[in-house]
N, C-alpha and C. Protein backbone atom coordinates (compact mmCIF):
# COMPACT_ATOMS: atom_id res chain seq x y z
N MET A 1 32.26 156.24 146.13
CA MET A 1 31.09 156.87 145.51
C MET A 1 30.10 155.82 145.02
N HIS A 2 30.62 154.73 144.45
CA HIS A 2 29.75 153.71 143.88
C HIS A 2 29.66 152.47 144.76
N GLU A 3 30.25 152.53 145.97
CA GLU A 3 30.32 151.32 146.79
C GLU A 3 28.94 150.78 147.15
N GLY A 4 28.01 151.70 147.51
CA GLY A 4 26.67 151.25 147.88
C GLY A 4 25.96 150.57 146.73
N HIS A 5 26.07 151.15 145.53
CA HIS A 5 25.45 150.56 144.34
C HIS A 5 26.08 149.20 144.04
N ARG A 6 27.40 149.14 144.10
CA ARG A 6 28.08 147.88 143.80
C ARG A 6 27.69 146.79 144.79
N GLN A 7 27.59 147.15 146.05
CA GLN A 7 27.19 146.16 147.04
C GLN A 7 25.80 145.62 146.76
N ARG A 8 24.89 146.52 146.36
CA ARG A 8 23.52 146.08 146.05
C ARG A 8 23.52 145.15 144.83
N MET A 9 24.35 145.46 143.85
CA MET A 9 24.42 144.61 142.67
C MET A 9 24.98 143.22 143.04
N LEU A 10 25.97 143.19 143.88
CA LEU A 10 26.55 141.91 144.30
C LEU A 10 25.55 141.10 145.12
N GLU A 11 24.74 141.78 145.91
CA GLU A 11 23.71 141.09 146.68
C GLU A 11 22.65 140.49 145.75
N ARG A 12 22.31 141.22 144.69
CA ARG A 12 21.36 140.68 143.71
C ARG A 12 21.94 139.46 143.00
N LEU A 13 23.24 139.53 142.69
CA LEU A 13 23.89 138.40 142.05
C LEU A 13 23.86 137.17 142.96
N ALA A 14 24.05 137.39 144.25
CA ALA A 14 24.08 136.27 145.20
C ALA A 14 22.71 135.66 145.43
N SER A 15 21.66 136.49 145.41
CA SER A 15 20.34 135.99 145.81
C SER A 15 19.32 135.90 144.67
N HIS A 16 19.49 136.72 143.62
CA HIS A 16 18.51 136.75 142.53
C HIS A 16 19.23 136.90 141.19
N GLU A 17 20.17 136.00 140.90
CA GLU A 17 20.98 136.17 139.69
C GLU A 17 20.16 136.18 138.41
N ASP A 18 19.04 135.46 138.40
CA ASP A 18 18.22 135.41 137.19
C ASP A 18 17.56 136.74 136.88
N SER A 19 17.50 137.63 137.87
CA SER A 19 16.85 138.92 137.65
C SER A 19 17.77 139.92 136.96
N LEU A 20 19.05 139.62 136.86
CA LEU A 20 20.01 140.56 136.29
C LEU A 20 19.91 140.58 134.77
N GLN A 21 19.85 141.78 134.22
CA GLN A 21 19.83 141.93 132.77
C GLN A 21 21.26 141.82 132.21
N ASP A 22 21.35 141.73 130.89
CA ASP A 22 22.66 141.53 130.26
C ASP A 22 23.65 142.62 130.65
N HIS A 23 23.22 143.87 130.56
CA HIS A 23 24.15 144.96 130.85
C HIS A 23 24.54 144.96 132.33
N GLU A 24 23.66 144.45 133.20
CA GLU A 24 23.99 144.41 134.62
C GLU A 24 25.03 143.32 134.92
N LEU A 25 24.92 142.19 134.24
CA LEU A 25 25.95 141.17 134.40
C LEU A 25 27.31 141.67 133.93
N LEU A 26 27.31 142.35 132.79
CA LEU A 26 28.56 142.91 132.28
C LEU A 26 29.09 143.99 133.21
N GLU A 27 28.18 144.77 133.76
CA GLU A 27 28.57 145.81 134.72
C GLU A 27 29.29 145.19 135.92
N ILE A 28 28.75 144.10 136.47
CA ILE A 28 29.38 143.44 137.62
C ILE A 28 30.72 142.84 137.22
N LEU A 29 30.77 142.25 136.03
CA LEU A 29 32.03 141.67 135.57
C LEU A 29 33.13 142.72 135.52
N LEU A 30 32.78 143.94 135.15
CA LEU A 30 33.76 145.00 135.01
C LEU A 30 34.19 145.62 136.34
N PHE A 31 33.53 145.24 137.43
CA PHE A 31 33.94 145.77 138.74
C PHE A 31 35.43 145.54 138.99
N ASN A 32 35.91 144.34 138.65
CA ASN A 32 37.31 144.01 138.93
C ASN A 32 38.26 144.77 138.02
N ALA A 33 37.84 145.02 136.78
CA ALA A 33 38.70 145.72 135.84
C ALA A 33 38.73 147.23 136.08
N LEU A 34 37.61 147.76 136.56
CA LEU A 34 37.48 149.20 136.75
C LEU A 34 36.97 149.50 138.17
N PRO A 35 37.84 149.40 139.16
CA PRO A 35 37.39 149.53 140.55
C PRO A 35 36.89 150.91 140.94
N ARG A 36 37.22 151.93 140.16
CA ARG A 36 36.86 153.30 140.55
C ARG A 36 36.01 154.03 139.51
N LYS A 37 35.43 153.28 138.57
CA LYS A 37 34.63 153.92 137.55
C LYS A 37 33.20 153.40 137.57
N ASN A 38 32.31 154.15 136.94
CA ASN A 38 30.91 153.74 136.79
C ASN A 38 30.85 152.72 135.66
N THR A 39 30.80 151.46 136.01
CA THR A 39 30.83 150.42 134.98
C THR A 39 29.48 150.23 134.30
N ASN A 40 28.43 150.76 134.88
CA ASN A 40 27.11 150.66 134.25
C ASN A 40 27.11 151.34 132.90
N GLU A 41 27.67 152.52 132.84
CA GLU A 41 27.71 153.28 131.59
C GLU A 41 28.55 152.56 130.54
N ILE A 42 29.71 152.04 130.94
CA ILE A 42 30.59 151.35 130.00
C ILE A 42 29.94 150.06 129.51
N ALA A 43 29.23 149.36 130.40
CA ALA A 43 28.54 148.12 130.01
C ALA A 43 27.51 148.42 128.93
N HIS A 44 26.73 149.49 129.13
CA HIS A 44 25.73 149.88 128.12
C HIS A 44 26.42 150.21 126.80
N THR A 45 27.53 150.94 126.86
CA THR A 45 28.24 151.36 125.65
C THR A 45 28.77 150.15 124.88
N LEU A 46 29.32 149.18 125.61
CA LEU A 46 29.85 147.98 124.97
C LEU A 46 28.75 147.20 124.26
N LEU A 47 27.64 146.99 124.94
CA LEU A 47 26.55 146.21 124.33
C LEU A 47 25.90 146.97 123.18
N ASN A 48 25.81 148.27 123.30
CA ASN A 48 25.24 149.06 122.20
C ASN A 48 26.13 149.00 120.96
N LYS A 49 27.43 149.02 121.17
CA LYS A 49 28.35 149.02 120.03
C LYS A 49 28.37 147.67 119.32
N PHE A 50 28.44 146.59 120.11
CA PHE A 50 28.59 145.27 119.51
C PHE A 50 27.26 144.53 119.31
N GLY A 51 26.23 144.95 120.02
CA GLY A 51 24.90 144.43 119.77
C GLY A 51 24.49 143.21 120.57
N SER A 52 25.45 142.41 121.04
CA SER A 52 25.12 141.21 121.79
C SER A 52 26.36 140.73 122.52
N PHE A 53 26.14 139.83 123.48
CA PHE A 53 27.26 139.22 124.20
C PHE A 53 28.15 138.43 123.26
N SER A 54 27.54 137.67 122.35
CA SER A 54 28.33 136.83 121.45
C SER A 54 29.23 137.67 120.55
N ALA A 55 28.70 138.80 120.06
CA ALA A 55 29.52 139.69 119.22
C ALA A 55 30.62 140.34 120.05
N LEU A 56 30.28 140.71 121.29
CA LEU A 56 31.28 141.29 122.18
C LEU A 56 32.39 140.29 122.47
N ALA A 57 32.02 139.02 122.66
CA ALA A 57 33.00 137.99 122.96
C ALA A 57 33.95 137.76 121.79
N ARG A 58 33.49 138.04 120.56
CA ARG A 58 34.34 137.85 119.38
C ARG A 58 35.19 139.07 119.06
N ALA A 59 34.92 140.17 119.73
CA ALA A 59 35.64 141.41 119.43
C ALA A 59 37.11 141.29 119.82
N ASP A 60 38.00 141.75 118.94
CA ASP A 60 39.42 141.68 119.26
C ASP A 60 39.82 142.88 120.11
N THR A 61 41.07 142.91 120.50
CA THR A 61 41.55 143.96 121.41
C THR A 61 41.39 145.34 120.81
N ASP A 62 41.72 145.49 119.53
CA ASP A 62 41.62 146.82 118.89
C ASP A 62 40.18 147.31 118.89
N ALA A 63 39.23 146.41 118.63
CA ALA A 63 37.82 146.81 118.62
C ALA A 63 37.37 147.23 120.02
N LEU A 64 37.83 146.51 121.04
CA LEU A 64 37.47 146.88 122.41
C LEU A 64 38.06 148.22 122.79
N LEU A 65 39.30 148.47 122.35
CA LEU A 65 39.96 149.75 122.69
C LEU A 65 39.29 150.94 122.03
N SER A 66 38.50 150.70 120.99
CA SER A 66 37.80 151.81 120.31
C SER A 66 36.60 152.30 121.10
N VAL A 67 36.22 151.56 122.16
CA VAL A 67 35.06 151.94 122.96
C VAL A 67 35.49 152.94 124.02
N PRO A 68 34.82 154.08 124.12
CA PRO A 68 35.18 155.07 125.14
C PRO A 68 35.14 154.48 126.55
N GLY A 69 36.19 154.72 127.32
CA GLY A 69 36.25 154.22 128.70
C GLY A 69 36.95 152.89 128.84
N VAL A 70 37.24 152.22 127.71
CA VAL A 70 37.93 150.93 127.75
C VAL A 70 39.41 151.15 127.43
N GLY A 71 40.25 150.92 128.43
CA GLY A 71 41.69 151.03 128.24
C GLY A 71 42.32 149.67 128.00
N ALA A 72 43.63 149.65 127.97
CA ALA A 72 44.36 148.42 127.65
C ALA A 72 44.11 147.31 128.67
N SER A 73 44.10 147.67 129.95
CA SER A 73 43.91 146.64 130.98
C SER A 73 42.50 146.08 130.95
N THR A 74 41.50 146.94 130.69
CA THR A 74 40.12 146.46 130.60
C THR A 74 39.91 145.58 129.38
N ALA A 75 40.50 145.99 128.27
CA ALA A 75 40.40 145.17 127.06
C ALA A 75 41.05 143.81 127.28
N ALA A 76 42.22 143.79 127.92
CA ALA A 76 42.89 142.52 128.20
C ALA A 76 42.05 141.66 129.14
N TYR A 77 41.43 142.28 130.12
CA TYR A 77 40.59 141.55 131.08
C TYR A 77 39.41 140.89 130.35
N LEU A 78 38.74 141.64 129.50
CA LEU A 78 37.60 141.09 128.78
C LEU A 78 38.03 139.98 127.82
N ARG A 79 39.17 140.18 127.13
CA ARG A 79 39.64 139.14 126.22
C ARG A 79 39.92 137.85 126.98
N CYS A 80 40.55 137.96 128.16
CA CYS A 80 40.84 136.76 128.96
C CYS A 80 39.56 136.06 129.38
N VAL A 81 38.57 136.82 129.83
CA VAL A 81 37.30 136.23 130.25
C VAL A 81 36.64 135.49 129.10
N PHE A 82 36.59 136.12 127.94
CA PHE A 82 35.90 135.50 126.81
C PHE A 82 36.69 134.31 126.25
N LEU A 83 38.02 134.39 126.28
CA LEU A 83 38.82 133.24 125.85
C LEU A 83 38.62 132.05 126.78
N LEU A 84 38.55 132.32 128.08
CA LEU A 84 38.27 131.25 129.04
C LEU A 84 36.91 130.62 128.79
N CYS A 85 35.92 131.45 128.51
CA CYS A 85 34.58 130.93 128.21
C CYS A 85 34.60 130.05 126.97
N GLU A 86 35.33 130.47 125.95
CA GLU A 86 35.42 129.70 124.72
C GLU A 86 36.09 128.35 124.97
N ARG A 87 37.14 128.36 125.78
CA ARG A 87 37.84 127.10 126.08
C ARG A 87 36.96 126.17 126.92
N MET A 88 36.20 126.74 127.85
CA MET A 88 35.28 125.91 128.63
C MET A 88 34.21 125.30 127.74
N LYS A 89 33.74 126.07 126.77
CA LYS A 89 32.72 125.56 125.84
C LYS A 89 33.28 124.39 125.04
N ARG A 90 34.54 124.49 124.62
CA ARG A 90 35.15 123.38 123.88
C ARG A 90 35.33 122.16 124.77
N GLU A 91 35.69 122.39 126.04
CA GLU A 91 35.84 121.27 126.96
C GLU A 91 34.52 120.54 127.17
N ILE A 92 33.44 121.31 127.32
CA ILE A 92 32.12 120.71 127.53
C ILE A 92 31.70 119.92 126.30
N ALA A 93 32.01 120.45 125.12
CA ALA A 93 31.61 119.78 123.88
C ALA A 93 32.41 118.51 123.64
N LYS A 94 33.61 118.46 124.20
CA LYS A 94 34.47 117.29 123.99
C LYS A 94 34.15 116.25 125.06
N PRO A 95 33.66 115.09 124.66
CA PRO A 95 33.28 114.09 125.66
C PRO A 95 34.50 113.57 126.41
N LEU A 96 34.31 113.30 127.71
CA LEU A 96 35.39 112.72 128.50
C LEU A 96 35.63 111.28 128.05
N PRO A 97 36.89 110.86 128.01
CA PRO A 97 37.18 109.51 127.52
C PRO A 97 36.80 108.45 128.53
N CYS A 98 36.69 107.24 128.05
CA CYS A 98 36.53 106.09 128.94
C CYS A 98 37.87 105.82 129.62
N VAL A 99 37.84 105.64 130.93
CA VAL A 99 39.08 105.42 131.67
C VAL A 99 39.78 104.16 131.19
N ARG A 100 39.03 103.17 130.73
CA ARG A 100 39.63 101.92 130.28
C ARG A 100 40.32 102.05 128.92
N ASN A 101 40.08 103.18 128.23
CA ASN A 101 40.86 103.50 127.02
C ASN A 101 42.10 104.25 127.50
N TYR A 102 43.16 103.50 127.80
CA TYR A 102 44.29 104.09 128.50
C TYR A 102 44.93 105.23 127.73
N SER A 103 45.09 105.11 126.41
CA SER A 103 45.75 106.16 125.64
C SER A 103 44.96 107.46 125.67
N ALA A 104 43.62 107.37 125.56
CA ALA A 104 42.79 108.58 125.61
C ALA A 104 42.78 109.17 127.01
N PHE A 105 42.74 108.30 128.02
CA PHE A 105 42.76 108.79 129.40
C PHE A 105 44.10 109.43 129.71
N ALA A 106 45.20 108.83 129.24
CA ALA A 106 46.53 109.39 129.46
C ALA A 106 46.66 110.76 128.79
N GLU A 107 46.05 110.92 127.62
CA GLU A 107 46.08 112.22 126.95
C GLU A 107 45.34 113.27 127.78
N LEU A 108 44.19 112.89 128.33
CA LEU A 108 43.44 113.80 129.20
C LEU A 108 44.27 114.20 130.41
N LEU A 109 44.94 113.23 131.03
CA LEU A 109 45.75 113.52 132.21
C LEU A 109 46.92 114.43 131.87
N GLY A 110 47.54 114.19 130.70
CA GLY A 110 48.64 115.04 130.28
C GLY A 110 48.21 116.49 130.15
N GLU A 111 47.02 116.71 129.58
CA GLU A 111 46.50 118.07 129.43
C GLU A 111 46.18 118.67 130.80
N ARG A 112 45.62 117.86 131.68
CA ARG A 112 45.15 118.36 132.97
C ARG A 112 46.31 118.73 133.90
N PHE A 113 47.40 118.00 133.82
CA PHE A 113 48.50 118.19 134.77
C PHE A 113 49.72 118.90 134.17
N ARG A 114 49.68 119.20 132.89
CA ARG A 114 50.85 119.79 132.23
C ARG A 114 51.20 121.15 132.85
N GLY A 115 52.46 121.30 133.23
CA GLY A 115 52.98 122.60 133.67
C GLY A 115 52.62 123.00 135.08
N LEU A 116 51.94 122.14 135.85
CA LEU A 116 51.59 122.51 137.22
C LEU A 116 52.84 122.58 138.09
N GLN A 117 52.86 123.56 138.98
CA GLN A 117 54.00 123.76 139.85
C GLN A 117 53.71 123.33 141.28
N GLN A 118 52.59 122.68 141.48
CA GLN A 118 52.20 122.17 142.78
C GLN A 118 51.61 120.78 142.60
N GLU A 119 51.70 119.96 143.64
CA GLU A 119 51.19 118.60 143.52
C GLU A 119 49.69 118.56 143.78
N TYR A 120 48.97 117.87 142.88
CA TYR A 120 47.53 117.75 142.98
C TYR A 120 47.13 116.28 142.86
N ILE A 121 45.95 115.99 143.41
CA ILE A 121 45.34 114.67 143.28
C ILE A 121 43.99 114.85 142.60
N ALA A 122 43.71 114.01 141.62
CA ALA A 122 42.40 114.04 140.95
C ALA A 122 41.70 112.71 141.16
N LEU A 123 40.44 112.77 141.56
CA LEU A 123 39.60 111.59 141.69
C LEU A 123 38.63 111.56 140.51
N PHE A 124 38.55 110.42 139.83
CA PHE A 124 37.66 110.26 138.69
C PHE A 124 36.58 109.24 139.03
N ALA A 125 35.35 109.71 139.15
CA ALA A 125 34.22 108.82 139.38
C ALA A 125 33.81 108.20 138.05
N MET A 126 33.62 106.87 138.04
CA MET A 126 33.32 106.16 136.81
C MET A 126 32.01 105.40 136.93
N ASP A 127 31.35 105.21 135.79
CA ASP A 127 30.19 104.33 135.78
C ASP A 127 30.66 102.90 135.52
N LYS A 128 29.75 101.98 135.37
CA LYS A 128 30.11 100.56 135.25
C LYS A 128 30.89 100.26 133.97
N ASP A 129 30.79 101.16 132.97
CA ASP A 129 31.49 100.94 131.70
C ASP A 129 32.82 101.69 131.63
N GLY A 130 33.19 102.37 132.72
CA GLY A 130 34.45 103.10 132.73
C GLY A 130 34.35 104.53 132.24
N LYS A 131 33.14 105.00 131.94
CA LYS A 131 32.98 106.38 131.53
C LYS A 131 33.03 107.30 132.75
N ILE A 132 33.62 108.48 132.57
CA ILE A 132 33.83 109.40 133.67
C ILE A 132 32.53 110.15 133.99
N LEU A 133 32.10 110.03 135.24
CA LEU A 133 30.90 110.73 135.70
C LEU A 133 31.23 112.12 136.24
N GLY A 134 32.39 112.26 136.83
CA GLY A 134 32.78 113.53 137.42
C GLY A 134 34.22 113.47 137.90
N VAL A 135 34.81 114.64 138.04
CA VAL A 135 36.21 114.76 138.46
C VAL A 135 36.30 115.84 139.53
N GLU A 136 37.08 115.56 140.56
CA GLU A 136 37.39 116.58 141.56
C GLU A 136 38.90 116.57 141.77
N THR A 137 39.48 117.75 141.91
CA THR A 137 40.92 117.89 142.08
C THR A 137 41.22 118.54 143.42
N TYR A 138 42.23 118.02 144.10
CA TYR A 138 42.60 118.49 145.43
C TYR A 138 44.11 118.71 145.47
N THR A 139 44.53 119.71 146.23
CA THR A 139 45.95 119.88 146.47
C THR A 139 46.33 119.07 147.70
N SER A 140 47.51 118.46 147.63
CA SER A 140 47.93 117.61 148.75
C SER A 140 48.49 118.43 149.90
N ASN A 141 48.93 119.68 149.62
CA ASN A 141 49.49 120.58 150.64
C ASN A 141 50.80 120.09 151.25
N GLU A 142 51.29 118.97 150.79
CA GLU A 142 52.56 118.46 151.31
C GLU A 142 53.44 118.05 150.14
N HIS A 143 54.60 118.66 150.04
CA HIS A 143 55.51 118.35 148.94
C HIS A 143 55.92 116.89 148.98
N GLY A 144 55.74 116.20 147.84
CA GLY A 144 56.18 114.83 147.74
C GLY A 144 55.26 113.81 148.37
N ARG A 145 54.06 114.24 148.77
CA ARG A 145 53.16 113.28 149.42
C ARG A 145 51.72 113.50 148.93
N ALA A 146 51.11 112.42 148.45
CA ALA A 146 49.71 112.47 148.03
C ALA A 146 48.82 112.11 149.21
N GLN A 147 47.82 112.93 149.47
CA GLN A 147 46.96 112.65 150.62
C GLN A 147 45.63 113.38 150.49
N ILE A 148 44.55 112.70 150.82
CA ILE A 148 43.22 113.31 150.89
C ILE A 148 42.57 112.83 152.18
N GLU A 149 41.89 113.72 152.87
CA GLU A 149 41.21 113.35 154.10
C GLU A 149 40.06 112.39 153.81
N PRO A 150 39.84 111.38 154.66
CA PRO A 150 38.75 110.42 154.44
C PRO A 150 37.38 111.07 154.28
N ARG A 151 37.12 112.14 155.02
CA ARG A 151 35.80 112.79 154.93
C ARG A 151 35.59 113.39 153.54
N VAL A 152 36.68 113.85 152.91
CA VAL A 152 36.59 114.41 151.56
C VAL A 152 36.23 113.31 150.56
N ILE A 153 36.85 112.14 150.74
CA ILE A 153 36.58 111.01 149.86
C ILE A 153 35.13 110.55 150.02
N SER A 154 34.66 110.47 151.26
CA SER A 154 33.27 110.07 151.50
C SER A 154 32.29 111.04 150.85
N LYS A 155 32.60 112.34 150.92
CA LYS A 155 31.75 113.35 150.29
C LYS A 155 31.74 113.17 148.77
N PHE A 156 32.91 112.85 148.21
CA PHE A 156 33.02 112.62 146.77
C PHE A 156 32.15 111.43 146.35
N PHE A 157 32.21 110.35 147.11
CA PHE A 157 31.40 109.16 146.81
C PHE A 157 29.91 109.48 146.90
N ALA A 158 29.53 110.26 147.91
CA ALA A 158 28.12 110.61 148.07
C ALA A 158 27.62 111.48 146.92
N GLN A 159 28.49 112.35 146.41
CA GLN A 159 28.09 113.26 145.34
C GLN A 159 27.91 112.56 144.01
N TYR A 160 28.83 111.64 143.67
CA TYR A 160 28.83 111.04 142.33
C TYR A 160 28.29 109.61 142.28
N ASP A 161 28.22 108.94 143.41
CA ASP A 161 27.77 107.55 143.46
C ASP A 161 28.46 106.71 142.39
N PRO A 162 29.80 106.68 142.39
CA PRO A 162 30.52 105.97 141.32
C PRO A 162 30.42 104.46 141.45
N LYS A 163 30.59 103.78 140.32
CA LYS A 163 30.66 102.32 140.30
C LYS A 163 32.11 101.84 140.32
N ALA A 164 33.05 102.78 140.09
CA ALA A 164 34.47 102.49 140.19
C ALA A 164 35.19 103.83 140.32
N LEU A 165 36.46 103.76 140.71
CA LEU A 165 37.24 104.99 140.95
C LEU A 165 38.60 104.86 140.29
N ALA A 166 39.06 105.97 139.72
CA ALA A 166 40.44 106.08 139.26
C ALA A 166 41.06 107.31 139.92
N ILE A 167 42.34 107.21 140.21
CA ILE A 167 43.07 108.30 140.88
C ILE A 167 44.24 108.70 140.00
N ALA A 168 44.54 109.99 140.00
CA ALA A 168 45.76 110.46 139.35
C ALA A 168 46.39 111.54 140.22
N HIS A 169 47.70 111.56 140.26
CA HIS A 169 48.37 112.69 140.90
C HIS A 169 49.71 112.91 140.20
N ASN A 170 50.30 114.08 140.45
CA ASN A 170 51.50 114.45 139.71
C ASN A 170 52.72 114.53 140.61
N HIS A 171 53.86 114.21 140.01
CA HIS A 171 55.17 114.53 140.57
C HIS A 171 55.69 115.74 139.79
N ILE A 172 55.95 116.83 140.46
CA ILE A 172 56.34 118.04 139.73
C ILE A 172 57.78 117.99 139.25
N GLU A 173 58.54 117.02 139.75
CA GLU A 173 59.92 116.84 139.27
C GLU A 173 60.29 115.36 139.39
N GLY A 174 61.36 114.97 138.74
CA GLY A 174 61.79 113.58 138.81
C GLY A 174 60.97 112.69 137.90
N ASN A 175 60.96 111.39 138.23
CA ASN A 175 60.24 110.43 137.39
C ASN A 175 58.90 110.07 138.02
N ALA A 176 58.18 109.17 137.36
CA ALA A 176 56.83 108.82 137.80
C ALA A 176 56.79 107.60 138.70
N SER A 177 57.94 107.03 139.04
CA SER A 177 57.95 105.84 139.89
C SER A 177 57.31 106.14 141.24
N PRO A 178 56.44 105.26 141.73
CA PRO A 178 55.77 105.53 143.01
C PRO A 178 56.74 105.54 144.18
N SER A 179 56.56 106.49 145.06
CA SER A 179 57.35 106.57 146.28
C SER A 179 56.69 105.72 147.36
N HIS A 180 57.37 105.59 148.49
CA HIS A 180 56.77 104.87 149.62
C HIS A 180 55.48 105.55 150.05
N SER A 181 55.47 106.90 150.06
CA SER A 181 54.25 107.64 150.42
C SER A 181 53.13 107.39 149.43
N ASP A 182 53.48 107.28 148.15
CA ASP A 182 52.46 106.98 147.13
C ASP A 182 51.83 105.62 147.39
N ASP A 183 52.66 104.64 147.77
CA ASP A 183 52.14 103.31 148.09
C ASP A 183 51.24 103.34 149.32
N LEU A 184 51.64 104.11 150.33
CA LEU A 184 50.81 104.23 151.54
C LEU A 184 49.46 104.83 151.20
N PHE A 185 49.49 105.88 150.39
CA PHE A 185 48.24 106.53 149.97
C PHE A 185 47.37 105.55 149.18
N THR A 186 47.98 104.79 148.29
CA THR A 186 47.24 103.83 147.48
C THR A 186 46.62 102.75 148.35
N LEU A 187 47.37 102.26 149.31
CA LEU A 187 46.82 101.28 150.25
C LEU A 187 45.62 101.83 151.01
N ARG A 188 45.74 103.07 151.44
CA ARG A 188 44.61 103.70 152.14
C ARG A 188 43.40 103.79 151.23
N MET A 189 43.61 104.19 149.97
CA MET A 189 42.50 104.32 149.03
C MET A 189 41.90 102.96 148.71
N MET A 190 42.72 101.93 148.63
CA MET A 190 42.20 100.57 148.41
C MET A 190 41.28 100.17 149.56
N GLU A 191 41.68 100.49 150.78
CA GLU A 191 40.86 100.17 151.95
C GLU A 191 39.55 100.96 151.94
N VAL A 192 39.64 102.26 151.62
CA VAL A 192 38.45 103.11 151.59
C VAL A 192 37.48 102.62 150.52
N CYS A 193 38.00 102.30 149.34
CA CYS A 193 37.15 101.82 148.25
C CYS A 193 36.50 100.48 148.62
N GLU A 194 37.28 99.61 149.24
CA GLU A 194 36.72 98.32 149.65
C GLU A 194 35.60 98.52 150.67
N PHE A 195 35.79 99.46 151.60
CA PHE A 195 34.77 99.75 152.60
C PHE A 195 33.47 100.22 151.95
N HIS A 196 33.60 101.01 150.88
CA HIS A 196 32.42 101.55 150.19
C HIS A 196 31.91 100.61 149.10
N GLY A 197 32.61 99.50 148.88
CA GLY A 197 32.19 98.57 147.83
C GLY A 197 32.41 99.10 146.44
N ILE A 198 33.46 99.90 146.26
CA ILE A 198 33.75 100.52 144.96
C ILE A 198 35.12 100.05 144.50
N PRO A 199 35.24 99.44 143.33
CA PRO A 199 36.55 99.00 142.84
C PRO A 199 37.47 100.19 142.54
N LEU A 200 38.72 100.07 142.92
CA LEU A 200 39.74 101.06 142.54
C LEU A 200 40.37 100.57 141.25
N TYR A 201 40.08 101.27 140.15
CA TYR A 201 40.51 100.79 138.84
C TYR A 201 41.99 101.09 138.59
N ASP A 202 42.43 102.29 138.92
CA ASP A 202 43.83 102.63 138.64
C ASP A 202 44.26 103.81 139.49
N HIS A 203 45.55 103.92 139.69
CA HIS A 203 46.21 105.09 140.27
C HIS A 203 47.35 105.43 139.32
N ILE A 204 47.25 106.57 138.68
CA ILE A 204 48.24 106.97 137.69
C ILE A 204 49.05 108.15 138.21
N ILE A 205 50.36 108.05 138.09
CA ILE A 205 51.25 109.13 138.50
C ILE A 205 51.79 109.80 137.25
N ILE A 206 51.69 111.12 137.20
CA ILE A 206 52.13 111.89 136.05
C ILE A 206 53.37 112.69 136.43
N ALA A 207 54.48 112.44 135.75
CA ALA A 207 55.72 113.19 135.92
C ALA A 207 55.93 114.04 134.67
N PRO A 208 56.90 114.95 134.68
CA PRO A 208 57.08 115.82 133.50
C PRO A 208 57.27 115.05 132.19
N ASP A 209 57.90 113.88 132.23
CA ASP A 209 58.22 113.18 130.98
C ASP A 209 57.69 111.76 130.90
N GLU A 210 56.88 111.34 131.87
CA GLU A 210 56.39 109.96 131.82
C GLU A 210 55.20 109.79 132.74
N MET A 211 54.54 108.63 132.63
CA MET A 211 53.43 108.27 133.51
C MET A 211 53.65 106.87 134.05
N TYR A 212 53.04 106.61 135.19
CA TYR A 212 53.11 105.27 135.79
C TYR A 212 51.70 104.85 136.17
N SER A 213 51.30 103.64 135.77
CA SER A 213 49.97 103.12 136.07
C SER A 213 50.10 101.94 137.04
N TYR A 214 49.48 102.05 138.20
CA TYR A 214 49.45 100.94 139.15
C TYR A 214 48.76 99.73 138.53
N HIS A 215 47.72 99.99 137.74
CA HIS A 215 46.97 98.90 137.12
C HIS A 215 47.83 98.17 136.08
N ALA A 216 48.45 98.94 135.18
CA ALA A 216 49.23 98.33 134.10
C ALA A 216 50.46 97.60 134.63
N CYS A 217 51.02 98.11 135.72
CA CYS A 217 52.23 97.48 136.29
C CYS A 217 51.91 96.45 137.36
N ALA A 218 50.61 96.11 137.51
CA ALA A 218 50.18 95.10 138.48
C ALA A 218 50.66 95.42 139.90
N ARG A 219 50.77 96.70 140.21
CA ARG A 219 51.26 97.07 141.54
C ARG A 219 50.20 96.90 142.62
N PHE A 220 48.93 96.94 142.24
CA PHE A 220 47.89 96.66 143.23
C PHE A 220 48.10 95.28 143.84
N GLU A 221 48.36 94.30 142.97
CA GLU A 221 48.57 92.93 143.45
C GLU A 221 49.80 92.84 144.33
N THR A 222 50.85 93.58 143.96
CA THR A 222 52.07 93.59 144.77
C THR A 222 51.79 94.15 146.16
N LEU A 223 51.01 95.24 146.21
CA LEU A 223 50.68 95.84 147.50
C LEU A 223 49.80 94.92 148.34
N LYS A 224 48.88 94.22 147.68
CA LYS A 224 48.00 93.31 148.41
C LYS A 224 48.79 92.16 149.02
N ARG A 225 49.81 91.68 148.31
CA ARG A 225 50.60 90.56 148.81
C ARG A 225 51.57 90.99 149.91
N ALA A 226 51.99 92.25 149.85
CA ALA A 226 52.95 92.74 150.84
C ALA A 226 52.28 92.89 152.21
N VAL A 227 53.06 92.77 153.24
CA VAL A 227 52.57 93.07 154.58
C VAL A 227 52.47 94.57 154.69
N PRO A 228 51.27 95.14 154.78
CA PRO A 228 51.16 96.61 154.74
C PRO A 228 51.79 97.25 155.96
N PRO A 229 52.58 98.31 155.73
CA PRO A 229 53.11 99.05 156.87
C PRO A 229 52.01 99.83 157.56
N GLN A 230 52.35 100.38 158.71
CA GLN A 230 51.37 101.20 159.45
C GLN A 230 51.02 102.42 158.63
N ILE A 231 49.74 102.61 158.34
CA ILE A 231 49.30 103.74 157.54
C ILE A 231 48.87 104.85 158.49
N THR A 232 49.53 106.00 158.33
CA THR A 232 49.22 107.12 159.23
C THR A 232 48.68 108.28 158.42
C-alpha cells in the first residue's frame, strides 16, 4: 500500500537529501522498524510530543512507548539509533591520539578491536608529527592471515596523502606473537610503503590479552636483515 510512497522518499534521500524535512527523515528512519505501517503519521506524532529531535533522542523507552503506534520493538530501535548517535558524537569530540604516544594508541586499539570475532586490519594514515589523519578497516577474509590487496592500499594513500603509516590487526585467539604470514604481510607493506615514499611506523598485533609492536620489538630491522621469502 505504501511501497510507491516509500520508494519516492528513498529516491529523494538518495538525490535531494537536503530537501527532506525533520519529520520526513524520521519517517524514513522508521521504515525499517515499521515495514507495514504509515510511518509519516507516527513521525509527526513523535516530533509533536517531544518537540525536537534532541528531546526525542533523550526520551527513554517508557516515554517512547507512551506514543500511540510505538511498540516495544520500535522503541528499542529508536533507542539504539540515538545511543549510537550519542556514542559517535563522543568519538568525534575525543581527539585521536598521536601514534607515537604508544600507551594512548594502544588504548585506542584495545577499544577498536575488543571482542571482535573476525580478523581485521586497520590502516592509520599519519601526518609528519604522528597525528592520525584517517583510519580505514578491512577484513582479511582468511582465518589466521592478514592481507590487503595492493589496489586498496594505493587508494588509501591517494585518499589521505599520509606522511607515515601504522598498521594494526587482531588475532582472535592465542597470543600476539607474529606468525610467518604476519611477517610476509609486513614485508609486503614495507615494500609498498617504500615504493610510495611513505615510512611504515609500526605494525601492531592485538590478541585477547596482549599486544605486539613490530617497532618496539625492532622486528622491522630483523625482517630487513633476513633473506625475504617469496611473497605471494
